[in-house]
Amino acid sequence: MSRRAGFIVGIGVAVVLAGGLGPPAAKLKPEGIARLGADLTPLGAERAGNEDGTIPPWEGGITEWPEGYEPGMRLPDPFEDDEILFTITAENQEQYADRLTAGQRAMLEAYPDTFMMHVYPTRRSASNPQRIYDATREIAATAELVDDGNGVAGAVIGIPFPIPENGLEVIWNHVLRFTGDMLTVRLFQAAPTRGGSFTVWKWDIWLIKPYSYEGMTEERLGNRLTFYKRRTLAPARLAGNVLITHDTTNQVREQRSAWVYNPGQRRVRRAPHIGYDNPAQGTDGLRTNDTFDMFNGGPDRYDWKLVGKREVFVPYNAYRLWASGPDPKLLTPLHLNPDYLRYELHRVWVVEATLKPGARHIYKRRTLYVDEDSWMIVTMDLYDKRDQLWRVSEAPAMNSYDLRVIFAALQVHTDLQAGRYVVLGGDTVFDFDVRLTEEDFTPAALRREGKR
């Protein structure tokens, strides 16, 4: 059976799993593990709905294909008949203040005439394969933070901390969540000017993530996690450039390795370090490398505080958004066209990241909102050195039917100070049936590819 879907997040994500120094966090006790699949979902979310019924109970998420769907198709919207419940605007936002993020309120205030939030019925569509649920239950008894939280030991395949005790555990759940084992896809990226003009970047992407392989063990995984290859298609001046990255199992101990092939020079060379607040290619400086997938890489520059859980309107079940691709009707000036966006009320874990004394990064503080059902960061507020809200990021969630994986329809990072944004999304259907090996991601393979 072909397994294809839309934009999967986690490409190029760096995670930390190797053991090391530092006191471990407490492992989940048997009484906590017994809750998984009972009053909690298999991944640790609250199974029940909320008191007023605006969040329904989780009943397994989407586990069957919608009528008319066949593998290889664009995912049809299973909730296309849902109607808008209400729309939040700059004028009425105070009615919903307790369920809005600081970034959402800032967006409404910055663009009162054009930005709004259409709220739909909540659909708890998240689901994963049974083997991910089984692995989560198994490693919950062994997973622990190591290296002062810069690593995780005793975990493979599943979610390591389904009942988290601190902010770092929530962040590692995001980084280690199931995103598929291997894939190929074409991505697009655009950063519209204030006037609305933009250049579309396009890449072909290949990825493998051994962490989630069926039957994987810590011993076999060793010091590796993800392997990533990106071939540039547009703009024309950069077409043919290829980047390969290897993400290590502990980026604090050993940074990710990267190589680039330049067709003009016909040579492979080491790439400079890709991570932290280095600006991402083609974004006009509107996104840092460590905000790909909302957060990736070493967590060592921040202190991570678990604030708690909130009910928040977040972008969810974004099937219409995903199907739009780089449509000029979507990529409007200042922000995405709100008519393509669907917001729902969901429970999220709130994590506050504060830059450590003496550490360097352009973001002094981050507030991350993590979906309880999938452990994916769905929205994020980023603050500058003056502690002023600077950028607002969203990763609208949706479920792949045949793989049972929650991914982002796209990633959008809006710069409130510049009045611009950058968006990254899938331009083709994702192919999860591609067969790849680690040998496809070596500098030698890159040299061979350049000679063809």
Protein backbone atom coordinates (compact mmCIF):
# COMPACT_ATOMS: atom_id res chain seq x y z
CA MET A 1 0.00 0.00 0.00
CA SER A 2 1.39 3.40 -0.98
CA ARG A 3 1.75 5.75 1.93
CA ARG A 4 1.65 9.35 0.87
CA ALA A 5 0.67 12.54 2.57
CA GLY A 6 1.21 16.27 2.81
CA PHE A 7 3.82 18.40 4.48
CA ILE A 8 5.52 16.41 7.19
CA VAL A 9 7.44 18.31 9.76
CA GLY A 10 10.62 17.01 11.19
CA ILE A 11 12.79 17.26 8.06
CA GLY A 12 16.34 17.79 9.14
CA VAL A 13 15.36 17.73 12.80
CA ALA A 14 18.20 17.10 15.22
CA VAL A 15 17.46 15.12 18.34
CA VAL A 16 19.46 13.89 21.30
CA LEU A 17 19.22 10.36 22.56
CA ALA A 18 22.66 9.31 23.73
CA GLY A 19 23.43 8.92 27.42
CA GLY A 20 25.79 11.16 29.30
CA LEU A 21 26.56 13.08 32.42
CA GLY A 22 24.13 14.88 34.66
CA PRO A 23 21.35 13.70 36.97
CA PRO A 24 18.51 11.93 35.14
CA ALA A 25 14.89 12.97 35.47
CA ALA A 26 12.55 10.54 37.24
CA LYS A 27 11.29 7.67 35.08
CA LEU A 28 7.55 7.19 34.81
CA LYS A 29 6.22 4.98 37.59
CA PRO A 30 3.91 1.99 36.97
CA GLU A 31 0.81 3.86 38.12
CA GLY A 32 1.53 6.55 35.52
CA ILE A 33 2.11 4.00 32.77
CA ALA A 34 -1.21 2.36 33.66
CA ARG A 35 -2.99 5.59 32.73
CA LEU A 36 -1.81 5.37 29.10
CA GLY A 37 -4.71 4.06 27.04
CA ALA A 38 -7.06 4.50 30.04
CA ASP A 39 -7.91 8.04 31.18
CA LEU A 40 -5.05 9.23 28.99
CA THR A 41 -4.56 8.51 25.30
CA PRO A 42 -1.70 6.14 24.34
CA LEU A 43 0.53 9.20 23.88
CA GLY A 44 -0.45 10.87 27.16
CA ALA A 45 -3.16 13.39 26.24
CA GLU A 46 -6.35 13.74 28.28
CA ARG A 47 -8.82 11.34 26.70
CA ALA A 48 -11.88 13.20 28.02
CA GLY A 49 -13.26 16.38 26.55
CA ASN A 50 -13.50 19.64 28.47
CA GLU A 51 -16.30 20.63 30.81
CA ASP A 52 -18.33 22.73 28.40
CA GLY A 53 -18.05 20.24 25.55
CA THR A 54 -16.16 22.56 23.19
CA ILE A 55 -13.31 20.03 23.17
CA PRO A 56 -14.66 16.52 22.52
CA PRO A 57 -13.17 13.30 23.90
CA TRP A 58 -10.43 11.59 21.90
CA GLU A 59 -11.84 8.49 20.22
CA GLY A 60 -8.81 7.26 18.35
CA GLY A 61 -8.41 10.01 15.78
CA ILE A 62 -8.64 9.32 12.05
CA THR A 63 -7.93 5.63 11.47
CA GLU A 64 -9.79 5.01 8.18
CA TRP A 65 -9.52 6.65 4.79
CA PRO A 66 -12.32 9.02 3.81
CA GLU A 67 -14.64 7.78 1.10
CA GLY A 68 -13.14 8.27 -2.37
CA TYR A 69 -9.55 8.55 -1.21
CA GLU A 70 -6.86 6.46 -2.88
CA PRO A 71 -3.13 6.46 -2.09
CA GLY A 72 -1.27 9.07 -4.11
CA MET A 73 -4.13 11.57 -4.11
CA ARG A 74 -4.10 14.91 -2.40
CA LEU A 75 -5.71 14.34 0.96
CA PRO A 76 -9.41 15.24 0.77
CA ASP A 77 -10.76 17.24 3.70
CA PRO A 78 -12.81 14.89 5.91
CA PHE A 79 -14.35 17.92 7.61
CA GLU A 80 -15.15 20.04 4.56
CA ASP A 81 -18.82 20.25 5.58
CA ASP A 82 -17.97 21.91 8.90
CA GLU A 83 -19.21 25.47 9.16
CA ILE A 84 -17.50 28.38 10.86
CA LEU A 85 -18.70 28.69 14.47
CA PHE A 86 -17.54 32.29 14.84
CA THR A 87 -14.79 34.64 13.69
CA ILE A 88 -12.38 36.41 16.03
CA THR A 89 -11.41 39.92 14.96
CA ALA A 90 -9.58 42.87 16.43
CA GLU A 91 -12.92 44.24 17.60
CA ASN A 92 -14.21 41.19 19.49
CA GLN A 93 -10.95 39.55 20.61
CA GLU A 94 -11.47 40.51 24.26
CA GLN A 95 -14.34 37.98 24.43
CA TYR A 96 -11.82 35.21 23.71
CA ALA A 97 -8.71 36.61 25.41
CA ASP A 98 -8.20 33.63 27.73
CA ARG A 99 -8.01 31.29 24.74
CA LEU A 100 -5.72 33.35 22.53
CA THR A 101 -1.92 33.43 22.53
CA ALA A 102 0.03 36.67 22.83
CA GLY A 103 1.06 36.26 19.20
CA GLN A 104 -2.50 35.86 17.98
CA ARG A 105 -3.61 38.97 19.84
CA ALA A 106 -0.68 40.88 18.38
CA MET A 107 -1.61 39.74 14.87
CA LEU A 108 -5.19 40.93 15.35
CA GLU A 109 -4.00 44.29 16.64
CA ALA A 110 -1.32 44.76 13.96
CA TYR A 111 -3.64 43.94 11.04
CA PRO A 112 -7.16 44.82 12.23
CA ASP A 113 -8.55 45.28 8.71
CA THR A 114 -7.20 42.09 7.13
CA PHE A 115 -6.40 39.42 9.75
CA MET A 116 -9.06 37.35 11.49
CA MET A 117 -9.43 33.85 12.92
CA HIS A 118 -12.23 31.60 11.66
CA VAL A 119 -13.02 29.08 14.41
CA TYR A 120 -14.45 25.67 13.49
CA PRO A 121 -15.66 22.68 15.55
CA THR A 122 -12.83 20.86 17.28
CA ARG A 123 -11.89 17.56 15.66
CA ARG A 124 -9.39 15.46 17.59
CA SER A 125 -8.08 13.76 14.46
CA ALA A 126 -4.59 12.81 15.73
CA SER A 127 -3.57 9.16 15.47
CA ASN A 128 -0.39 7.10 15.19
CA PRO A 129 0.37 3.47 14.25
CA GLN A 130 -0.14 0.94 17.03
CA ARG A 131 3.59 0.24 17.17
CA ILE A 132 4.20 3.87 18.23
CA TYR A 133 1.65 3.50 21.03
CA ASP A 134 3.26 0.21 22.12
CA ALA A 135 6.76 1.69 22.07
CA THR A 136 5.61 4.74 24.05
CA ARG A 137 4.21 2.53 26.80
CA GLU A 138 7.43 0.50 26.86
CA ILE A 139 9.96 3.33 26.97
CA ALA A 140 7.94 5.40 29.46
CA ALA A 141 9.48 3.19 32.13
CA THR A 142 13.06 3.75 30.94
CA ALA A 143 13.30 7.18 29.29
CA GLU A 144 15.26 9.82 31.16
CA LEU A 145 16.95 13.15 30.53
CA VAL A 146 20.75 13.14 30.53
CA ASP A 147 23.53 15.68 29.93
CA ASP A 148 21.63 18.36 31.85
CA GLY A 149 18.65 17.86 29.57
CA ASN A 150 20.63 18.00 26.34
CA GLY A 151 20.04 14.31 25.77
CA VAL A 152 17.61 11.47 26.33
CA ALA A 153 18.49 7.89 27.24
CA GLY A 154 16.36 4.76 27.39
CA ALA A 155 14.14 5.79 24.47
CA VAL A 156 13.59 4.70 20.90
CA ILE A 157 10.63 4.71 18.44
CA GLY A 158 7.98 6.12 20.80
CA ILE A 159 7.24 9.28 22.79
CA PRO A 160 9.69 9.24 25.74
CA PHE A 161 7.76 11.39 28.25
CA PRO A 162 3.99 10.91 27.79
CA ILE A 163 3.40 12.44 31.25
CA PRO A 164 6.01 15.23 31.29
CA GLU A 165 7.42 16.77 34.43
CA ASN A 166 9.32 19.70 32.89
CA GLY A 167 9.65 21.79 29.78
CA LEU A 168 12.56 19.90 28.28
CA GLU A 169 10.61 16.66 28.36
CA VAL A 170 7.84 18.32 26.36
CA ILE A 171 10.35 19.63 23.82
CA TRP A 172 11.94 16.21 23.35
CA ASN A 173 8.47 14.73 22.84
CA HIS A 174 8.02 17.21 19.99
CA VAL A 175 11.40 16.40 18.46
CA LEU A 176 11.02 12.61 18.86
CA ARG A 177 7.40 12.31 17.73
CA PHE A 178 6.62 9.97 14.87
CA THR A 179 7.06 11.72 11.50
CA GLY A 180 7.49 8.71 9.24
CA ASP A 181 10.60 6.63 8.54
CA MET A 182 11.58 7.90 5.09
CA LEU A 183 10.15 10.17 2.43
CA THR A 184 10.68 12.22 -0.68
CA VAL A 185 8.79 15.40 -1.59
CA ARG A 186 9.06 18.72 -3.40
CA LEU A 187 8.88 21.79 -1.15
CA PHE A 188 8.19 25.43 -1.92
CA GLN A 189 9.16 28.54 0.01
CA ALA A 190 8.14 32.17 -0.41
CA ALA A 191 8.75 35.39 1.52
CA PRO A 192 6.32 38.04 0.16
CA THR A 193 7.33 41.69 0.37
CA ARG A 194 5.03 44.20 2.05
CA GLY A 195 3.62 44.91 -1.41
CA GLY A 196 2.91 41.22 -2.00
CA SER A 197 5.53 40.27 -4.61
CA PHE A 198 7.53 37.09 -4.02
CA THR A 199 9.96 34.62 -5.54
CA VAL A 200 9.18 30.93 -5.15
CA TRP A 201 12.01 28.66 -4.07
CA LYS A 202 11.67 24.94 -4.79
CA TRP A 203 13.60 21.92 -3.57
CA ASP A 204 13.39 18.17 -3.94
CA ILE A 205 13.82 16.59 -0.51
CA TRP A 206 14.82 13.11 0.66
CA LEU A 207 14.85 12.08 4.34
CA ILE A 208 15.31 9.03 6.52
CA LYS A 209 14.78 8.93 10.29
CA PRO A 210 16.16 5.69 11.78
CA TYR A 211 14.89 6.56 15.27
CA SER A 212 11.38 5.39 14.42
CA TYR A 213 12.29 2.33 12.33
CA GLU A 214 10.30 -0.73 13.34
CA GLY A 215 12.41 -2.88 15.64
CA MET A 216 15.03 -0.18 16.19
CA THR A 217 17.10 -0.40 19.38
CA GLU A 218 19.31 2.14 21.12
CA GLU A 219 22.35 -0.01 20.40
CA ARG A 220 21.60 -0.13 16.66
CA LEU A 221 20.70 3.54 16.52
CA GLY A 222 24.03 4.59 17.96
CA ASN A 223 25.02 8.19 17.29
CA ARG A 224 22.65 8.85 14.38
CA LEU A 225 19.12 10.06 13.98
CA THR A 226 18.18 11.79 10.71
CA PHE A 227 19.73 11.98 7.25
CA TYR A 228 18.58 14.71 4.89
CA LYS A 229 19.23 15.65 1.25
CA ARG A 230 17.96 18.75 -0.56
CA ARG A 231 18.37 19.52 -4.29
CA THR A 232 17.59 23.10 -5.37
CA LEU A 233 15.28 23.50 -8.37
CA ALA A 234 14.51 27.23 -8.18
CA PRO A 235 15.58 29.99 -8.35
CA ALA A 236 17.42 29.14 -11.58
CA ARG A 237 20.71 30.69 -10.46
CA LEU A 238 21.00 28.07 -7.71
CA ALA A 239 19.47 25.09 -9.53
CA GLY A 240 21.46 21.92 -9.09
CA ASN A 241 22.95 22.79 -5.70
CA VAL A 242 22.64 19.87 -3.29
CA LEU A 243 22.87 19.86 0.51
CA ILE A 244 23.28 16.78 2.70
CA THR A 245 23.03 16.85 6.50
CA HIS A 246 23.59 14.21 9.17
CA ASP A 247 21.99 14.93 12.52
CA THR A 248 23.88 13.52 15.44
CA THR A 249 22.28 12.00 18.49
CA ASN A 250 23.65 14.73 20.73
CA GLN A 251 24.17 18.09 19.05
CA VAL A 252 25.73 19.62 22.11
CA ARG A 253 28.52 17.07 22.06
CA GLU A 254 28.78 16.86 18.28
CA GLN A 255 27.17 19.28 15.84
CA ARG A 256 25.30 18.10 12.77
CA SER A 257 27.51 17.51 9.75
CA ALA A 258 26.71 19.04 6.38
CA TRP A 259 28.09 18.93 2.84
CA VAL A 260 27.16 20.89 -0.29
CA TYR A 261 27.60 20.19 -4.00
CA ASN A 262 27.95 23.18 -6.35
CA PRO A 263 27.37 22.25 -10.02
CA GLY A 264 29.36 25.27 -11.21
CA GLN A 265 32.44 24.17 -9.28
CA ARG A 266 31.62 20.45 -9.67
CA ARG A 267 32.92 19.75 -6.21
CA VAL A 268 31.70 18.65 -2.79
CA ARG A 269 32.75 20.63 0.25
CA ARG A 270 31.92 20.84 3.91
CA ALA A 271 29.14 23.30 4.70
CA PRO A 272 29.37 25.72 7.62
CA HIS A 273 27.39 24.84 10.70
CA ILE A 274 23.65 24.91 10.13
CA GLY A 275 21.78 25.56 13.35
CA TYR A 276 20.74 27.88 16.16
CA ASP A 277 20.08 31.44 14.90
CA ASN A 278 21.88 31.20 11.56
CA PRO A 279 19.44 32.61 8.96
CA ALA A 280 17.76 29.96 6.82
CA GLN A 281 18.40 30.06 3.07
CA GLY A 282 15.98 32.05 0.95
CA THR A 283 14.06 33.55 3.86
CA ASP A 284 15.40 37.13 3.73
CA GLY A 285 16.43 36.60 7.34
CA LEU A 286 12.84 36.04 8.46
CA ARG A 287 13.51 32.60 9.92
CA THR A 288 16.39 31.03 11.82
CA ASN A 289 17.57 27.48 11.19
CA ASP A 290 16.44 26.27 14.60
CA THR A 291 12.83 27.31 13.94
CA PHE A 292 12.48 24.81 11.11
CA ASP A 293 9.85 22.39 12.44
CA MET A 294 9.25 25.15 15.02
CA PHE A 295 12.23 23.94 17.06
CA ASN A 296 15.18 21.69 16.24
CA GLY A 297 18.77 21.28 17.34
CA GLY A 298 20.51 21.57 20.67
CA PRO A 299 18.41 22.99 23.55
CA ASP A 300 21.46 24.09 25.51
CA ARG A 301 21.13 27.87 25.05
CA TYR A 302 17.79 28.14 26.85
CA ASP A 303 16.19 27.40 30.19
CA TRP A 304 12.92 25.57 29.55
CA LYS A 305 9.98 26.07 31.90
CA LEU A 306 6.79 24.02 31.78
CA VAL A 307 4.07 26.62 32.38
CA GLY A 308 1.22 24.11 32.25
CA LYS A 309 -1.68 23.25 29.98
CA ARG A 310 -4.16 25.65 28.38
CA GLU A 311 -7.15 25.58 26.05
CA VAL A 312 -6.14 27.65 23.03
CA PHE A 313 -7.43 28.30 19.52
CA VAL A 314 -4.77 26.74 17.29
CA PRO A 315 -4.48 25.99 13.55
CA TYR A 316 -5.71 22.43 13.06
CA ASN A 317 -7.09 20.07 10.39
CA ALA A 318 -5.65 22.38 7.74
CA TYR A 319 -6.53 20.30 4.67
CA ARG A 320 -7.67 23.24 2.56
CA LEU A 321 -4.52 25.15 3.42
CA TRP A 322 -2.28 22.23 2.45
CA ALA A 323 -4.02 21.77 -0.90
CA SER A 324 -3.42 25.40 -1.89
CA GLY A 325 0.36 25.18 -2.48
CA PRO A 326 2.09 28.47 -3.47
CA ASP A 327 -1.19 30.05 -4.62
CA PRO A 328 -1.05 33.86 -4.92
CA LYS A 329 -4.54 33.93 -3.38
CA LEU A 330 -3.01 32.40 -0.23
CA LEU A 331 0.21 34.44 -0.20
CA THR A 332 -1.32 37.85 0.41
CA PRO A 333 0.66 40.87 1.71
CA LEU A 334 1.55 41.06 5.42
CA HIS A 335 0.15 37.62 6.35
CA LEU A 336 -1.48 34.51 4.88
CA ASN A 337 -5.03 34.86 3.59
CA PRO A 338 -7.16 34.06 6.68
CA ASP A 339 -9.88 32.49 4.53
CA TYR A 340 -7.56 29.49 4.07
CA LEU A 341 -6.95 29.08 7.80
CA ARG A 342 -8.94 26.89 10.19
CA TYR A 343 -8.66 27.36 13.95
CA GLU A 344 -10.00 24.94 16.58
CA LEU A 345 -9.98 24.85 20.36
CA HIS A 346 -7.41 22.33 21.62
CA ARG A 347 -5.50 21.69 24.82
CA VAL A 348 -1.83 22.54 24.52
CA TRP A 349 1.21 22.30 26.75
CA VAL A 350 2.80 25.73 27.21
CA VAL A 351 6.60 25.88 27.46
CA GLU A 352 8.55 29.08 28.11
CA ALA A 353 12.16 29.16 26.87
CA THR A 354 14.42 31.90 28.25
CA LEU A 355 17.93 32.55 26.96
CA LYS A 356 20.56 31.53 29.49
CA PRO A 357 22.91 34.20 30.90
CA GLY A 358 25.88 34.51 28.57
CA ALA A 359 24.27 32.48 25.77
CA ARG A 360 23.89 33.99 22.30
CA HIS A 361 20.73 33.98 20.20
CA ILE A 362 18.61 36.63 18.47
CA TYR A 363 15.54 35.40 20.41
CA LYS A 364 15.65 36.28 24.10
CA ARG A 365 12.49 34.32 24.84
CA ARG A 366 10.13 31.86 23.16
CA THR A 367 6.69 30.63 24.15
CA LEU A 368 5.82 27.31 22.54
CA TYR A 369 2.35 25.75 22.38
CA VAL A 370 2.46 21.98 21.96
CA ASP A 371 -0.60 19.98 20.88
CA GLU A 372 -1.41 17.43 23.60
CA ASP A 373 -2.67 14.84 21.08
CA SER A 374 0.39 14.76 18.81
CA TRP A 375 3.23 16.51 20.71
CA MET A 376 3.74 18.81 17.72
CA ILE A 377 4.43 22.50 18.31
CA VAL A 378 1.51 24.19 16.57
CA THR A 379 2.20 27.84 17.36
CA MET A 380 5.01 29.87 18.89
CA ASP A 381 5.77 33.42 20.01
CA LEU A 382 9.32 34.76 19.59
CA TYR A 383 10.71 37.78 21.51
CA ASP A 384 13.65 40.07 20.74
CA LYS A 385 16.45 41.31 23.02
CA ARG A 386 14.17 44.08 24.32
CA ASP A 387 11.67 41.38 25.35
CA GLN A 388 9.25 42.68 22.71
CA LEU A 389 7.15 40.25 20.68
CA TRP A 390 8.92 39.98 17.32
CA ARG A 391 7.69 36.99 15.34
CA VAL A 392 4.69 34.66 15.43
CA SER A 393 5.02 31.14 14.03
CA GLU A 394 2.37 28.56 13.15
CA ALA A 395 2.44 24.94 11.99
CA PRO A 396 -1.19 24.08 11.14
CA ALA A 397 -1.75 20.42 11.99
CA MET A 398 -3.43 17.67 9.98
CA ASN A 399 -3.44 13.88 9.82
CA SER A 400 -2.13 11.67 7.02
CA TYR A 401 -4.72 8.94 6.62
CA ASP A 402 -2.65 5.98 5.47
CA LEU A 403 0.45 6.60 7.57
CA ARG A 404 -1.42 7.88 10.67
CA VAL A 405 0.96 10.73 11.32
CA ILE A 406 0.29 14.32 12.32
CA PHE A 407 2.22 16.83 10.22
CA ALA A 408 2.13 20.54 9.41
CA ALA A 409 0.25 21.66 6.31
CA LEU A 410 2.99 24.29 6.09
CA GLN A 411 5.13 26.43 8.36
CA VAL A 412 4.63 30.19 8.46
CA HIS A 413 6.73 32.70 10.39
CA THR A 414 5.30 36.24 10.54
CA ASP A 415 7.58 39.15 11.42
CA LEU A 416 5.45 41.81 13.10
CA GLN A 417 8.21 44.41 13.01
CA ALA A 418 9.01 43.99 9.31
CA GLY A 419 5.43 43.46 8.17
CA ARG A 420 6.49 40.34 6.28
CA TYR A 421 6.38 36.57 6.58
CA VAL A 422 7.99 33.46 5.14
CA VAL A 423 6.11 30.25 4.36
CA LEU A 424 7.42 26.74 3.68
CA GLY A 425 5.19 23.92 2.49
CA GLY A 426 4.74 20.89 0.27
CA ASP A 427 4.41 21.39 -3.49
CA THR A 428 3.75 17.72 -4.25
CA VAL A 429 2.23 14.74 -2.49
CA PHE A 430 4.69 13.16 -0.07
CA ASP A 431 5.94 9.69 -0.93
CA PHE A 432 6.55 7.64 2.20
CA ASP A 433 7.13 4.44 0.19
CA VAL A 434 10.46 5.56 -1.25
CA ARG A 435 13.27 3.16 -0.40
CA LEU A 436 16.41 4.91 0.85
CA THR A 437 19.50 3.89 2.81
CA GLU A 438 22.14 5.80 4.71
CA GLU A 439 24.49 5.27 1.75
CA ASP A 440 22.29 7.65 -0.25
CA PHE A 441 23.29 10.46 2.12
CA THR A 442 27.10 10.27 2.04
CA PRO A 443 29.55 12.74 0.50
CA ALA A 444 30.59 9.92 -1.88
CA ALA A 445 26.99 9.59 -3.08
CA LEU A 446 26.89 13.35 -3.55
CA ARG A 447 30.01 13.20 -5.74
CA ARG A 448 28.54 10.39 -7.83
CA GLU A 449 25.33 12.33 -8.23
CA GLY A 450 27.24 15.38 -9.45
CA LYS A 451 28.93 13.35 -12.18
CA ARG A 452 25.68 12.09 -13.67
